Amino acid sequence: MIVTGLFLFIALFLSCVAAVLYLAPRLKILNIVHYDSAEQAVRINRYAAARLLLPVIVFLACAWIVEMRPELAVPLLFPSIIAVLIAVVWIAAGVTRLAP
């Protein structure tokens, strides 16, 4: 089904972003963060990578549920969007704590 594929694609995309943040932590790719030093970039990127796993898990769960019950595709868009927003707020709040 197309909607299941959409949920899986977004989960794959977010997991790739999390992998890049974790495996190449010296890259300064988060646009909401002002990096002061390279070691701060490593801490912040690894912190953000771990927090991005929340929406990945939610999108994978939604894909599984939609595969079983296709009529729930539209209502499951809302928890997916909320999971992304929670992850962004969680990362932004943590960055203020990690940045000296």
PDB file of N, CA and C in Angstrom:
ATOM      1  N   MET A   1       0.841  -1.181   0.000  1.00  0.00           N
ATOM      2  CA  MET A   1       0.000   0.000   0.000  1.00  0.00           C
ATOM      3  C   MET A   1       0.887   1.245   0.000  1.00  0.00           C
ATOM      4  N   ILE A   2       0.418   2.297  -0.606  1.00  0.00           N
ATOM      5  CA  ILE A   2       1.200   3.518  -0.758  1.00  0.00           C
ATOM      6  C   ILE A   2       1.477   4.184   0.589  1.00  0.00           C
ATOM      7  N   VAL A   3       0.486   4.207   1.470  1.00  0.00           N
ATOM      8  CA  VAL A   3       0.661   4.885   2.757  1.00  0.00           C
ATOM      9  C   VAL A   3       1.682   4.154   3.612  1.00  0.00           C
ATOM     10  N   THR A   4       1.678   2.833   3.580  1.00  0.00           N
ATOM     11  CA  THR A   4       2.678   2.060   4.321  1.00  0.00           C
ATOM     12  C   THR A   4       4.067   2.399   3.806  1.00  0.00           C
ATOM     13  N   GLY A   5       4.196   2.494   2.498  1.00  0.00           N
ATOM     14  CA  GLY A   5       5.477   2.864   1.910  1.00  0.00           C
ATOM     15  C   GLY A   5       5.917   4.259   2.319  1.00  0.00           C
ATOM     16  N   LEU A   6       4.961   5.166   2.460  1.00  0.00           N
ATOM     17  CA  LEU A   6       5.287   6.524   2.894  1.00  0.00           C
ATOM     18  C   LEU A   6       5.822   6.521   4.324  1.00  0.00           C
ATOM     19  N   PHE A   7       5.149   5.796   5.209  1.00  0.00           N
ATOM     20  CA  PHE A   7       5.623   5.700   6.586  1.00  0.00           C
ATOM     21  C   PHE A   7       7.017   5.073   6.633  1.00  0.00           C
ATOM     22  N   LEU A   8       7.231   4.028   5.847  1.00  0.00           N
ATOM     23  CA  LEU A   8       8.540   3.373   5.828  1.00  0.00           C
ATOM     24  C   LEU A   8       9.616   4.280   5.244  1.00  0.00           C
ATOM     25  N   PHE A   9       9.266   5.047   4.204  1.00  0.00           N
ATOM     26  CA  PHE A   9      10.235   5.960   3.605  1.00  0.00           C
ATOM     27  C   PHE A   9      10.664   7.041   4.597  1.00  0.00           C
ATOM     28  N   ILE A  10       9.714   7.607   5.315  1.00  0.00           N
ATOM     29  CA  ILE A  10      10.055   8.649   6.291  1.00  0.00           C
ATOM     30  C   ILE A  10      10.875   8.055   7.429  1.00  0.00           C
ATOM     31  N   ALA A  11      10.551   6.836   7.858  1.00  0.00           N
ATOM     32  CA  ALA A  11      11.350   6.172   8.894  1.00  0.00           C
ATOM     33  C   ALA A  11      12.767   5.922   8.406  1.00  0.00           C
ATOM     34  N   LEU A  12      12.914   5.497   7.165  1.00  0.00           N
ATOM     35  CA  LEU A  12      14.242   5.274   6.589  1.00  0.00           C
ATOM     36  C   LEU A  12      15.021   6.582   6.483  1.00  0.00           C
ATOM     37  N   PHE A  13      14.357   7.635   6.040  1.00  0.00           N
ATOM     38  CA  PHE A  13      15.010   8.939   5.915  1.00  0.00           C
ATOM     39  C   PHE A  13      15.501   9.443   7.274  1.00  0.00           C
ATOM     40  N   LEU A  14      14.642   9.368   8.290  1.00  0.00           N
ATOM     41  CA  LEU A  14      15.036   9.842   9.616  1.00  0.00           C
ATOM     42  C   LEU A  14      16.122   8.968  10.229  1.00  0.00           C
ATOM     43  N   SER A  15      16.088   7.674   9.959  1.00  0.00           N
ATOM     44  CA  SER A  15      17.152   6.817  10.482  1.00  0.00           C
ATOM     45  C   SER A  15      18.475   7.090   9.769  1.00  0.00           C
ATOM     46  N   CYS A  16      18.435   7.467   8.498  1.00  0.00           N
ATOM     47  CA  CYS A  16      19.666   7.860   7.791  1.00  0.00           C
ATOM     48  C   CYS A  16      20.228   9.156   8.364  1.00  0.00           C
ATOM     49  N   VAL A  17      19.361  10.107   8.662  1.00  0.00           N
ATOM     50  CA  VAL A  17      19.811  11.356   9.280  1.00  0.00           C
ATOM     51  C   VAL A  17      20.420  11.072  10.650  1.00  0.00           C
ATOM     52  N   ALA A  18      19.784  10.211  11.425  1.00  0.00           N
ATOM     53  CA  ALA A  18      20.322   9.849  12.739  1.00  0.00           C
ATOM     54  C   ALA A  18      21.660   9.141  12.600  1.00  0.00           C
ATOM     55  N   ALA A  19      21.788   8.282  11.605  1.00  0.00           N
ATOM     56  CA  ALA A  19      23.055   7.583  11.386  1.00  0.00           C
ATOM     57  C   ALA A  19      24.164   8.548  10.999  1.00  0.00           C
ATOM     58  N   VAL A  20      23.860   9.506  10.142  1.00  0.00           N
ATOM     59  CA  VAL A  20      24.868  10.501   9.764  1.00  0.00           C
ATOM     60  C   VAL A  20      25.287  11.327  10.971  1.00  0.00           C
ATOM     61  N   LEU A  21      24.316  11.733  11.785  1.00  0.00           N
ATOM     62  CA  LEU A  21      24.643  12.511  12.983  1.00  0.00           C
ATOM     63  C   LEU A  21      25.498  11.714  13.954  1.00  0.00           C
ATOM     64  N   TYR A  22      25.244  10.414  14.071  1.00  0.00           N
ATOM     65  CA  TYR A  22      25.981   9.604  15.025  1.00  0.00           C
ATOM     66  C   TYR A  22      27.350   9.176  14.488  1.00  0.00           C
ATOM     67  N   LEU A  23      27.409   8.790  13.210  1.00  0.00           N
ATOM     68  CA  LEU A  23      28.650   8.249  12.654  1.00  0.00           C
ATOM     69  C   LEU A  23      29.612   9.331  12.151  1.00  0.00           C
ATOM     70  N   ALA A  24      29.106  10.500  11.837  1.00  0.00           N
ATOM     71  CA  ALA A  24      29.959  11.614  11.409  1.00  0.00           C
ATOM     72  C   ALA A  24      29.630  12.822  12.274  1.00  0.00           C
ATOM     73  N   PRO A  25      29.955  12.756  13.573  1.00  0.00           N
ATOM     74  CA  PRO A  25      29.478  13.786  14.490  1.00  0.00           C
ATOM     75  C   PRO A  25      30.160  15.140  14.344  1.00  0.00           C
ATOM     76  N   ARG A  26      31.257  15.199  13.628  1.00  0.00           N
ATOM     77  CA  ARG A  26      31.934  16.491  13.484  1.00  0.00           C
ATOM     78  C   ARG A  26      31.285  17.385  12.428  1.00  0.00           C
ATOM     79  N   LEU A  27      30.385  16.825  11.636  1.00  0.00           N
ATOM     80  CA  LEU A  27      29.667  17.636  10.651  1.00  0.00           C
ATOM     81  C   LEU A  27      28.692  18.552  11.369  1.00  0.00           C
ATOM     82  N   LYS A  28      28.642  19.779  10.944  1.00  0.00           N
ATOM     83  CA  LYS A  28      27.738  20.760  11.557  1.00  0.00           C
ATOM     84  C   LYS A  28      26.518  20.920  10.657  1.00  0.00           C
ATOM     85  N   ILE A  29      25.581  19.969  10.765  1.00  0.00           N
ATOM     86  CA  ILE A  29      24.454  19.962   9.844  1.00  0.00           C
ATOM     87  C   ILE A  29      23.132  20.372  10.480  1.00  0.00           C
ATOM     88  N   LEU A  30      23.064  20.470  11.783  1.00  0.00           N
ATOM     89  CA  LEU A  30      21.820  20.919  12.415  1.00  0.00           C
ATOM     90  C   LEU A  30      21.728  22.434  12.294  1.00  0.00           C
ATOM     91  N   ASN A  31      20.684  22.923  11.648  1.00  0.00           N
ATOM     92  CA  ASN A  31      20.602  24.364  11.414  1.00  0.00           C
ATOM     93  C   ASN A  31      20.031  25.139  12.594  1.00  0.00           C
ATOM     94  N   ILE A  32      19.536  24.451  13.623  1.00  0.00           N
ATOM     95  CA  ILE A  32      18.999  25.161  14.786  1.00  0.00           C
ATOM     96  C   ILE A  32      20.054  25.331  15.882  1.00  0.00           C
ATOM     97  N   VAL A  33      21.287  24.912  15.595  1.00  0.00           N
ATOM     98  CA  VAL A  33      22.329  24.875  16.617  1.00  0.00           C
ATOM     99  C   VAL A  33      23.477  25.789  16.219  1.00  0.00           C
ATOM    100  N   HIS A  34      23.973  26.538  17.187  1.00  0.00           N
ATOM    101  CA  HIS A  34      25.194  27.327  16.997  1.00  0.00           C
ATOM    102  C   HIS A  34      26.325  26.571  17.673  1.00  0.00           C
ATOM    103  N   TYR A  35      27.180  25.951  16.854  1.00  0.00           N
ATOM    104  CA  TYR A  35      28.289  25.165  17.378  1.00  0.00           C
ATOM    105  C   TYR A  35      29.449  26.083  17.738  1.00  0.00           C
ATOM    106  N   ASP A  36      29.996  25.929  18.941  1.00  0.00           N
ATOM    107  CA  ASP A  36      31.150  26.726  19.343  1.00  0.00           C
ATOM    108  C   ASP A  36      32.461  26.004  19.081  1.00  0.00           C
ATOM    109  N   SER A  37      32.497  24.703  19.280  1.00  0.00           N
ATOM    110  CA  SER A  37      33.735  23.947  19.093  1.00  0.00           C
ATOM    111  C   SER A  37      33.416  22.589  18.479  1.00  0.00           C
ATOM    112  N   ALA A  38      34.482  21.894  18.065  1.00  0.00           N
ATOM    113  CA  ALA A  38      34.298  20.580  17.441  1.00  0.00           C
ATOM    114  C   ALA A  38      33.813  19.552  18.451  1.00  0.00           C
ATOM    115  N   GLU A  39      34.318  19.610  19.675  1.00  0.00           N
ATOM    116  CA  GLU A  39      33.871  18.632  20.674  1.00  0.00           C
ATOM    117  C   GLU A  39      32.415  18.878  21.086  1.00  0.00           C
ATOM    118  N   GLN A  40      31.998  20.121  21.049  1.00  0.00           N
ATOM    119  CA  GLN A  40      30.595  20.430  21.323  1.00  0.00           C
ATOM    120  C   GLN A  40      29.710  19.898  20.194  1.00  0.00           C
ATOM    121  N   ALA A  41      30.186  19.974  18.966  1.00  0.00           N
ATOM    122  CA  ALA A  41      29.438  19.439  17.826  1.00  0.00           C
ATOM    123  C   ALA A  41      29.261  17.934  17.961  1.00  0.00           C
ATOM    124  N   VAL A  42      30.285  17.246  18.420  1.00  0.00           N
ATOM    125  CA  VAL A  42      30.197  15.795  18.605  1.00  0.00           C
ATOM    126  C   VAL A  42      29.132  15.455  19.650  1.00  0.00           C
ATOM    127  N   ARG A  43      29.162  16.147  20.781  1.00  0.00           N
ATOM    128  CA  ARG A  43      28.181  15.880  21.848  1.00  0.00           C
ATOM    129  C   ARG A  43      26.758  16.168  21.375  1.00  0.00           C
ATOM    130  N   ILE A  44      26.566  17.307  20.730  1.00  0.00           N
ATOM    131  CA  ILE A  44      25.224  17.705  20.298  1.00  0.00           C
ATOM    132  C   ILE A  44      24.700  16.770  19.215  1.00  0.00           C
ATOM    133  N   ASN A  45      25.530  16.409  18.246  1.00  0.00           N
ATOM    134  CA  ASN A  45      25.074  15.542  17.163  1.00  0.00           C
ATOM    135  C   ASN A  45      24.744  14.143  17.659  1.00  0.00           C
ATOM    136  N   ARG A  46      25.534  13.612  18.580  1.00  0.00           N
ATOM    137  CA  ARG A  46      25.217  12.288  19.134  1.00  0.00           C
ATOM    138  C   ARG A  46      23.947  12.351  19.980  1.00  0.00           C
ATOM    139  N   TYR A  47      23.756  13.453  20.694  1.00  0.00           N
ATOM    140  CA  TYR A  47      22.536  13.653  21.473  1.00  0.00           C
ATOM    141  C   TYR A  47      21.327  13.691  20.542  1.00  0.00           C
ATOM    142  N   ALA A  48      21.441  14.441  19.453  1.00  0.00           N
ATOM    143  CA  ALA A  48      20.328  14.570  18.501  1.00  0.00           C
ATOM    144  C   ALA A  48      20.044  13.246  17.794  1.00  0.00           C
ATOM    145  N   ALA A  49      21.087  12.492  17.485  1.00  0.00           N
ATOM    146  CA  ALA A  49      20.888  11.211  16.805  1.00  0.00           C
ATOM    147  C   ALA A  49      20.066  10.262  17.660  1.00  0.00           C
ATOM    148  N   ALA A  50      20.344  10.228  18.949  1.00  0.00           N
ATOM    149  CA  ALA A  50      19.583   9.341  19.835  1.00  0.00           C
ATOM    150  C   ALA A  50      18.124   9.786  19.926  1.00  0.00           C
ATOM    151  N   ARG A  51      17.882  11.087  19.934  1.00  0.00           N
ATOM    152  CA  ARG A  51      16.505  11.596  20.056  1.00  0.00           C
ATOM    153  C   ARG A  51      15.721  11.414  18.770  1.00  0.00           C
ATOM    154  N   LEU A  52      16.388  11.316  17.640  1.00  0.00           N
ATOM    155  CA  LEU A  52      15.693  11.102  16.368  1.00  0.00           C
ATOM    156  C   LEU A  52      15.164   9.677  16.227  1.00  0.00           C
ATOM    157  N   LEU A  53      15.567   8.802  17.109  1.00  0.00           N
ATOM    158  CA  LEU A  53      15.044   7.438  17.039  1.00  0.00           C
ATOM    159  C   LEU A  53      13.585   7.352  17.480  1.00  0.00           C
ATOM    160  N   LEU A  54      13.117   8.324  18.256  1.00  0.00           N
ATOM    161  CA  LEU A  54      11.707   8.331  18.663  1.00  0.00           C
ATOM    162  C   LEU A  54      10.771   8.401  17.460  1.00  0.00           C
ATOM    163  N   PRO A  55      10.921   9.386  16.561  1.00  0.00           N
ATOM    164  CA  PRO A  55      10.014   9.389  15.401  1.00  0.00           C
ATOM    165  C   PRO A  55      10.224   8.193  14.473  1.00  0.00           C
ATOM    166  N   VAL A  56      11.441   7.660  14.416  1.00  0.00           N
ATOM    167  CA  VAL A  56      11.674   6.477  13.585  1.00  0.00           C
ATOM    168  C   VAL A  56      10.828   5.317  14.098  1.00  0.00           C
ATOM    169  N   ILE A  57      10.840   5.109  15.403  1.00  0.00           N
ATOM    170  CA  ILE A  57      10.053   4.025  15.995  1.00  0.00           C
ATOM    171  C   ILE A  57       8.560   4.262  15.783  1.00  0.00           C
ATOM    172  N   VAL A  58       8.126   5.504  15.938  1.00  0.00           N
ATOM    173  CA  VAL A  58       6.705   5.807  15.741  1.00  0.00           C
ATOM    174  C   VAL A  58       6.298   5.570  14.287  1.00  0.00           C
ATOM    175  N   PHE A  59       7.112   5.998  13.337  1.00  0.00           N
ATOM    176  CA  PHE A  59       6.779   5.785  11.925  1.00  0.00           C
ATOM    177  C   PHE A  59       6.773   4.297  11.572  1.00  0.00           C
ATOM    178  N   LEU A  60       7.707   3.523  12.127  1.00  0.00           N
ATOM    179  CA  LEU A  60       7.699   2.086  11.868  1.00  0.00           C
ATOM    180  C   LEU A  60       6.465   1.420  12.469  1.00  0.00           C
ATOM    181  N   ALA A  61       6.092   1.837  13.664  1.00  0.00           N
ATOM    182  CA  ALA A  61       4.881   1.285  14.286  1.00  0.00           C
ATOM    183  C   ALA A  61       3.647   1.653  13.476  1.00  0.00           C
ATOM    184  N   CYS A  62       3.590   2.881  13.002  1.00  0.00           N
ATOM    185  CA  CYS A  62       2.448   3.305  12.186  1.00  0.00           C
ATOM    186  C   CYS A  62       2.390   2.520  10.879  1.00  0.00           C
ATOM    187  N   ALA A  63       3.546   2.250  10.273  1.00  0.00           N
ATOM    188  CA  ALA A  63       3.570   1.460   9.037  1.00  0.00           C
ATOM    189  C   ALA A  63       3.041   0.056   9.295  1.00  0.00           C
ATOM    190  N   TRP A  64       3.408  -0.531  10.416  1.00  0.00           N
ATOM    191  CA  TRP A  64       2.927  -1.865  10.747  1.00  0.00           C
ATOM    192  C   TRP A  64       1.414  -1.859  10.990  1.00  0.00           C
ATOM    193  N   ILE A  65       0.940  -0.854  11.715  1.00  0.00           N
ATOM    194  CA  ILE A  65      -0.500  -0.769  11.994  1.00  0.00           C
ATOM    195  C   ILE A  65      -1.288  -0.538  10.710  1.00  0.00           C
ATOM    196  N   VAL A  66      -0.792   0.333   9.843  1.00  0.00           N
ATOM    197  CA  VAL A  66      -1.499   0.616   8.580  1.00  0.00           C
ATOM    198  C   VAL A  66      -1.501  -0.622   7.684  1.00  0.00           C
ATOM    199  N   GLU A  67      -0.460  -1.409   7.750  1.00  0.00           N
ATOM    200  CA  GLU A  67      -0.443  -2.644   6.965  1.00  0.00           C
ATOM    201  C   GLU A  67      -1.533  -3.603   7.446  1.00  0.00           C
ATOM    202  N   MET A  68      -1.764  -3.634   8.757  1.00  0.00           N
ATOM    203  CA  MET A  68      -2.801  -4.509   9.311  1.00  0.00           C
ATOM    204  C   MET A  68      -4.213  -3.911   9.158  1.00  0.00           C
ATOM    205  N   ARG A  69      -4.311  -2.603   9.381  1.00  0.00           N
ATOM    206  CA  ARG A  69      -5.614  -1.917   9.340  1.00  0.00           C
ATOM    207  C   ARG A  69      -5.495  -0.656   8.483  1.00  0.00           C
ATOM    208  N   PRO A  70      -5.671  -0.741   7.179  1.00  0.00           N
ATOM    209  CA  PRO A  70      -5.486   0.405   6.275  1.00  0.00           C
ATOM    210  C   PRO A  70      -6.407   1.589   6.559  1.00  0.00           C
ATOM    211  N   GLU A  71      -7.523   1.361   7.192  1.00  0.00           N
ATOM    212  CA  GLU A  71      -8.450   2.461   7.466  1.00  0.00           C
ATOM    213  C   GLU A  71      -7.907   3.423   8.511  1.00  0.00           C
ATOM    214  N   LEU A  72      -6.845   3.054   9.206  1.00  0.00           N
ATOM    215  CA  LEU A  72      -6.249   3.934  10.215  1.00  0.00           C
ATOM    216  C   LEU A  72      -5.120   4.812   9.670  1.00  0.00           C
ATOM    217  N   ALA A  73      -4.954   4.843   8.358  1.00  0.00           N
ATOM    218  CA  ALA A  73      -3.829   5.569   7.762  1.00  0.00           C
ATOM    219  C   ALA A  73      -3.882   7.066   8.073  1.00  0.00           C
ATOM    220  N   VAL A  74      -5.010   7.693   7.884  1.00  0.00           N
ATOM    221  CA  VAL A  74      -5.112   9.136   8.117  1.00  0.00           C
ATOM    222  C   VAL A  74      -4.997   9.486   9.603  1.00  0.00           C
ATOM    223  N   PRO A  75      -5.707   8.791  10.495  1.00  0.00           N
ATOM    224  CA  PRO A  75      -5.539   9.139  11.914  1.00  0.00           C
ATOM    225  C   PRO A  75      -4.116   8.924  12.432  1.00  0.00           C
ATOM    226  N   LEU A  76      -3.370   7.995  11.845  1.00  0.00           N
ATOM    227  CA  LEU A  76      -2.007   7.743  12.304  1.00  0.00           C
ATOM    228  C   LEU A  76      -1.004   8.787  11.818  1.00  0.00           C
ATOM    229  N   LEU A  77      -1.433   9.675  10.943  1.00  0.00           N
ATOM    230  CA  LEU A  77      -0.542  10.770  10.552  1.00  0.00           C
ATOM    231  C   LEU A  77      -0.302  11.724  11.720  1.00  0.00           C
ATOM    232  N   PHE A  78      -1.291  11.901  12.562  1.00  0.00           N
ATOM    233  CA  PHE A  78      -1.177  12.847  13.665  1.00  0.00           C
ATOM    234  C   PHE A  78      -0.148  12.429  14.720  1.00  0.00           C
ATOM    235  N   PRO A  79      -0.151  11.184  15.204  1.00  0.00           N
ATOM    236  CA  PRO A  79       0.903  10.822  16.156  1.00  0.00           C
ATOM    237  C   PRO A  79       2.294  10.861  15.539  1.00  0.00           C
ATOM    238  N   SER A  80       2.374  10.621  14.230  1.00  0.00           N
ATOM    239  CA  SER A  80       3.673  10.681  13.560  1.00  0.00           C
ATOM    240  C   SER A  80       4.213  12.111  13.554  1.00  0.00           C
ATOM    241  N   ILE A  81       3.353  13.052  13.224  1.00  0.00           N
ATOM    242  CA  ILE A  81       3.764  14.456  13.210  1.00  0.00           C
ATOM    243  C   ILE A  81       4.093  14.926  14.621  1.00  0.00           C
ATOM    244  N   ILE A  82       3.308  14.509  15.596  1.00  0.00           N
ATOM    245  CA  ILE A  82       3.571  14.877  16.990  1.00  0.00           C
ATOM    246  C   ILE A  82       4.912  14.307  17.444  1.00  0.00           C
ATOM    247  N   ALA A  83       5.255  13.090  17.018  1.00  0.00           N
ATOM    248  CA  ALA A  83       6.547  12.494  17.395  1.00  0.00           C
ATOM    249  C   ALA A  83       7.715  13.301  16.840  1.00  0.00           C
ATOM    250  N   VAL A  84       7.578  13.783  15.611  1.00  0.00           N
ATOM    251  CA  VAL A  84       8.632  14.615  15.028  1.00  0.00           C
ATOM    252  C   VAL A  84       8.763  15.926  15.806  1.00  0.00           C
ATOM    253  N   LEU A  85       7.647  16.547  16.126  1.00  0.00           N
ATOM    254  CA  LEU A  85       7.681  17.798  16.889  1.00  0.00           C
ATOM    255  C   LEU A  85       8.272  17.590  18.278  1.00  0.00           C
ATOM    256  N   ILE A  86       7.925  16.494  18.932  1.00  0.00           N
ATOM    257  CA  ILE A  86       8.498  16.200  20.246  1.00  0.00           C
ATOM    258  C   ILE A  86      10.007  16.017  20.144  1.00  0.00           C
ATOM    259  N   ALA A  87      10.463  15.324  19.103  1.00  0.00           N
ATOM    260  CA  ALA A  87      11.900  15.122  18.929  1.00  0.00           C
ATOM    261  C   ALA A  87      12.624  16.450  18.698  1.00  0.00           C
ATOM    262  N   VAL A  88      12.034  17.331  17.909  1.00  0.00           N
ATOM    263  CA  VAL A  88      12.662  18.633  17.647  1.00  0.00           C
ATOM    264  C   VAL A  88      12.744  19.465  18.929  1.00  0.00           C
ATOM    265  N   VAL A  89      11.666  19.484  19.693  1.00  0.00           N
ATOM    266  CA  VAL A  89      11.672  20.242  20.948  1.00  0.00           C
ATOM    267  C   VAL A  89      12.649  19.617  21.941  1.00  0.00           C
ATOM    268  N   TRP A  90      12.702  18.293  21.994  1.00  0.00           N
ATOM    269  CA  TRP A  90      13.614  17.590  22.887  1.00  0.00           C
ATOM    270  C   TRP A  90      15.069  17.891  22.522  1.00  0.00           C
ATOM    271  N   ILE A  91      15.369  17.909  21.228  1.00  0.00           N
ATOM    272  CA  ILE A  91      16.730  18.243  20.791  1.00  0.00           C
ATOM    273  C   ILE A  91      17.059  19.687  21.104  1.00  0.00           C
ATOM    274  N   ALA A  92      16.139  20.586  20.818  1.00  0.00           N
ATOM    275  CA  ALA A  92      16.387  22.012  21.082  1.00  0.00           C
ATOM    276  C   ALA A  92      16.574  22.278  22.569  1.00  0.00           C
ATOM    277  N   ALA A  93      15.793  21.623  23.405  1.00  0.00           N
ATOM    278  CA  ALA A  93      15.946  21.808  24.851  1.00  0.00           C
ATOM    279  C   ALA A  93      17.274  21.237  25.337  1.00  0.00           C
ATOM    280  N   GLY A  94      17.673  20.130  24.793  1.00  0.00           N
ATOM    281  CA  GLY A  94      18.947  19.519  25.186  1.00  0.00           C
ATOM    282  C   GLY A  94      20.150  20.314  24.719  1.00  0.00           C
ATOM    283  N   VAL A  95      20.026  20.939  23.555  1.00  0.00           N
ATOM    284  CA  VAL A  95      21.143  21.736  23.045  1.00  0.00           C
ATOM    285  C   VAL A  95      21.430  22.908  23.966  1.00  0.00           C
ATOM    286  N   THR A  96      20.401  23.519  24.511  1.00  0.00           N
ATOM    287  CA  THR A  96      20.636  24.633  25.433  1.00  0.00           C
ATOM    288  C   THR A  96      21.331  24.150  26.695  1.00  0.00           C
ATOM    289  N   ARG A  97      21.100  22.895  27.070  1.00  0.00           N
ATOM    290  CA  ARG A  97      21.766  22.343  28.238  1.00  0.00           C
ATOM    291  C   ARG A  97      23.193  21.904  27.925  1.00  0.00           C
ATOM    292  N   LEU A  98      23.429  21.387  26.712  1.00  0.00           N
ATOM    293  CA  LEU A  98      24.757  20.910  26.334  1.00  0.00           C
ATOM    294  C   LEU A  98      25.697  22.053  25.937  1.00  0.00           C
ATOM    295  N   ALA A  99      25.142  23.130  25.424  1.00  0.00           N
ATOM    296  CA  ALA A  99      25.979  24.255  25.016  1.00  0.00           C
ATOM    297  C   ALA A  99      26.344  25.091  26.242  1.00  0.00           C
ATOM    298  N   PRO A 100      27.627  25.349  26.412  1.00  0.00           N
ATOM    299  CA  PRO A 100      28.025  26.140  27.581  1.00  0.00           C
ATOM    300  C   PRO A 100      27.675  27.611  27.446  1.00  0.00           C
TER     301      PRO A 100
END
